[in-house]
Amino acid sequence: MDERLTRLFGELETGRGRTHDDEPAEQSAEVLLDAVFEALSLDSEFEFDETLVKANLDEFLVALIAMRSHNANGKTLMADLADQFDSELSPGSVYPKLHEMNAEGMLEMFELVRSKEYRIEDPERAASMTVAAAQQHLALGAFLYAAADEF
């Protein structure tokens, strides 16, 4: 397996990016994506597939909310999805997911004067869901990468 993929799998297993008291280290999505692009040697022309982002919207929203210490409302999350993941998703796609995850106890919702703000209510479940999705995507990516050698 490619050294970069091996390193990514290892980082998922060891929880790299966590602080000494096992709390997630705060960083922006932009900084994190830049590090991923660099680690995978992706060029500036790389773009995310909006269909894949939408298919994994729960995980993307949980990750974006976890990275924000405040102002994690639907509007800012949709802007993050557009800015960081090249995905112009409609409110009809994003808000139902936020409400669903709130109803399931994954997210905690705070009603503000003009908006609703979200925070992670169940960090262990959110982390587990996110790591499981990452492992699935890395495994599929490794398979496709290896299969490309067959062409």
Protein backbone atom coordinates (compact mmCIF):
# COMPACT_ATOMS: atom_id res chain seq x y z
CA MET A 1 0.00 0.00 0.00
CA ASP A 2 1.13 3.53 -0.71
CA GLU A 3 3.06 5.09 2.19
CA ARG A 4 0.64 8.04 2.37
CA LEU A 5 -2.38 5.77 2.77
CA THR A 6 -0.59 3.70 5.38
CA ARG A 7 0.16 6.88 7.33
CA LEU A 8 -3.49 8.03 7.09
CA PHE A 9 -4.75 4.66 8.35
CA GLY A 10 -2.25 4.86 11.22
CA GLU A 11 -3.36 8.35 12.15
CA LEU A 12 -6.97 7.21 12.28
CA GLU A 13 -6.03 4.35 14.60
CA THR A 14 -3.86 6.42 16.94
CA GLY A 15 -6.15 9.44 17.09
CA ARG A 16 -3.47 11.88 15.91
CA GLY A 17 -4.71 15.42 16.29
CA ARG A 18 -5.93 14.86 19.83
CA THR A 19 -4.58 16.67 22.83
CA HIS A 20 -3.19 15.07 25.98
CA ASP A 21 -6.62 14.97 27.65
CA ASP A 22 -8.16 13.25 24.57
CA GLU A 23 -10.11 16.30 23.45
CA PRO A 24 -10.03 17.06 19.72
CA ALA A 25 -7.46 19.66 18.75
CA GLU A 26 -9.17 22.75 17.32
CA GLN A 27 -8.30 23.56 13.74
CA SER A 28 -10.16 24.95 10.77
CA ALA A 29 -11.44 22.84 7.92
CA GLU A 30 -9.26 24.85 5.56
CA VAL A 31 -6.06 24.09 7.51
CA LEU A 32 -6.98 20.42 7.82
CA LEU A 33 -7.79 20.11 4.10
CA ASP A 34 -4.55 21.84 3.15
CA ALA A 35 -2.64 19.26 5.23
CA VAL A 36 -4.56 16.40 3.57
CA PHE A 37 -3.95 17.81 0.08
CA GLU A 38 -0.25 18.12 0.89
CA ALA A 39 -0.02 14.61 2.37
CA LEU A 40 -1.72 13.11 -0.69
CA SER A 41 0.18 15.34 -3.13
CA LEU A 42 -3.06 16.65 -4.63
CA ASP A 43 -2.70 19.63 -6.93
CA SER A 44 -4.69 22.85 -6.78
CA GLU A 45 -7.01 21.58 -9.54
CA PHE A 46 -8.51 18.88 -7.28
CA GLU A 47 -12.25 19.23 -6.65
CA PHE A 48 -14.58 17.22 -4.45
CA ASP A 49 -17.46 15.36 -6.09
CA GLU A 50 -20.65 16.99 -4.77
CA THR A 51 -22.53 13.68 -5.03
CA LEU A 52 -20.07 12.05 -2.62
CA VAL A 53 -20.26 15.01 -0.24
CA LYS A 54 -24.06 14.79 -0.22
CA ALA A 55 -23.96 11.01 0.28
CA ASN A 56 -21.75 11.53 3.37
CA LEU A 57 -23.40 14.72 4.60
CA ASP A 58 -23.86 13.49 8.19
CA GLU A 59 -20.12 12.95 8.58
CA PHE A 60 -19.21 16.24 6.90
CA LEU A 61 -21.62 18.22 9.09
CA VAL A 62 -20.44 16.54 12.30
CA ALA A 63 -16.80 17.24 11.38
CA LEU A 64 -17.50 20.88 10.51
CA ILE A 65 -19.48 21.42 13.72
CA ALA A 66 -16.73 19.80 15.79
CA MET A 67 -14.19 22.22 14.29
CA ARG A 68 -16.22 25.28 15.24
CA SER A 69 -16.26 26.56 18.79
CA HIS A 70 -19.25 28.79 17.93
CA ASN A 71 -21.49 29.91 15.06
CA ALA A 72 -22.24 26.40 13.79
CA ASN A 73 -25.58 27.27 12.24
CA GLY A 74 -27.06 26.00 8.99
CA LYS A 75 -26.03 29.05 6.98
CA THR A 76 -22.35 28.94 8.04
CA LEU A 77 -22.23 25.16 7.60
CA MET A 78 -23.58 25.49 4.04
CA ALA A 79 -20.94 28.17 3.39
CA ASP A 80 -18.25 25.83 4.75
CA LEU A 81 -19.48 23.03 2.48
CA ALA A 82 -19.34 25.38 -0.50
CA ASP A 83 -15.95 26.90 0.36
CA GLN A 84 -14.10 23.80 1.49
CA PHE A 85 -15.80 20.97 -0.42
CA ASP A 86 -16.98 22.66 -3.63
CA SER A 87 -20.56 21.68 -2.77
CA GLU A 88 -23.48 24.07 -3.17
CA LEU A 89 -26.06 22.08 -1.22
CA SER A 90 -29.55 23.43 -0.73
CA PRO A 91 -31.12 24.22 2.64
CA GLY A 92 -33.50 21.34 1.85
CA SER A 93 -30.53 18.97 2.01
CA VAL A 94 -28.67 20.42 4.99
CA TYR A 95 -31.36 21.45 7.49
CA PRO A 96 -33.22 18.10 7.55
CA LYS A 97 -29.90 16.35 8.29
CA LEU A 98 -29.19 18.76 11.17
CA HIS A 99 -32.70 18.26 12.59
CA GLU A 100 -32.42 14.48 12.21
CA MET A 101 -29.07 14.33 14.01
CA ASN A 102 -30.50 16.56 16.74
CA ALA A 103 -33.50 14.25 17.17
CA GLU A 104 -31.16 11.23 17.35
CA GLY A 105 -29.08 12.86 20.12
CA MET A 106 -25.94 13.29 18.02
CA LEU A 107 -26.24 17.09 17.97
CA GLU A 108 -27.47 19.58 20.51
CA MET A 109 -29.42 22.54 19.13
CA PHE A 110 -29.54 25.99 20.72
CA GLU A 111 -32.21 28.40 19.53
CA LEU A 112 -30.80 31.88 19.17
CA VAL A 113 -32.71 35.03 18.27
CA ARG A 114 -32.52 34.57 14.49
CA SER A 115 -30.99 31.14 14.01
CA LYS A 116 -30.26 27.76 15.52
CA GLU A 117 -26.74 26.80 16.50
CA TYR A 118 -25.52 23.21 16.73
CA ARG A 119 -22.95 21.49 18.91
CA ILE A 120 -21.89 17.89 19.26
CA GLU A 121 -23.97 16.27 21.99
CA ASP A 122 -22.46 12.77 21.79
CA PRO A 123 -18.74 13.18 21.01
CA GLU A 124 -17.93 9.47 21.22
CA ARG A 125 -20.65 8.54 18.76
CA ALA A 126 -19.72 11.43 16.45
CA ALA A 127 -16.05 10.42 16.47
CA SER A 128 -16.89 6.77 15.92
CA MET A 129 -19.16 7.59 12.98
CA THR A 130 -16.56 9.89 11.43
CA VAL A 131 -13.66 7.45 11.83
CA ALA A 132 -15.75 4.58 10.43
CA ALA A 133 -16.59 6.68 7.35
CA ALA A 134 -12.94 7.70 6.95
CA GLN A 135 -11.80 4.08 7.13
CA GLN A 136 -14.39 3.05 4.53
CA HIS A 137 -13.29 5.79 2.15
CA LEU A 138 -9.59 5.11 2.67
CA ALA A 139 -10.10 1.38 2.07
CA LEU A 140 -12.09 2.06 -1.10
CA GLY A 141 -9.53 4.61 -2.22
CA ALA A 142 -6.67 2.18 -1.63
CA PHE A 143 -8.49 -0.48 -3.66
CA LEU A 144 -9.16 1.92 -6.55
CA TYR A 145 -5.60 3.22 -6.42
CA ALA A 146 -4.23 -0.34 -6.60
CA ALA A 147 -6.68 -1.27 -9.37
CA ALA A 148 -5.47 1.67 -11.45
CA ASP A 149 -2.16 -0.15 -11.83
CA GLU A 150 -4.03 -2.86 -13.78
CA PHE A 151 -4.90 -0.51 -16.64
